[in-house]
Amino acid sequence: MEFDSDAPYVHYRREPIASPDGTQDTIFVAVEDAPAPDTPVFRVRFTRVGAGEGDYQRAGAETNGVVYEYVGPGGGAYAPVQPLRPRPDSASST
């Protein structure tokens, strides 16, 4: 997606990091200013997964939404995931 400073949500970019086990991983970092033209930006939705269960924490609010920051595995209460919704027909099956 393209960066839009007037968007009603926070933009994030992906940044590579080394995981505790030495493998390469990717995190999301909030973008405040327009990045270089070839830098992709993302709209990320964070879900509260419980204290000590996520990798992100709320870092504050911006004009266009809440900013989340990476704090490491198990260091936060939020994750960049969307909960699955049950299929409409699964509630009626017996």
Foldseek 3Di string as FASTA:
>chain_A
DADDQPALAWKWFWDWDQAPVRHIDIDTDTDDDGDPPVTDIDGFDKDFQAQQQEQWAFPQADNRGTGIDGDHRSHYRIYRDDDDDDDPVVVVDD
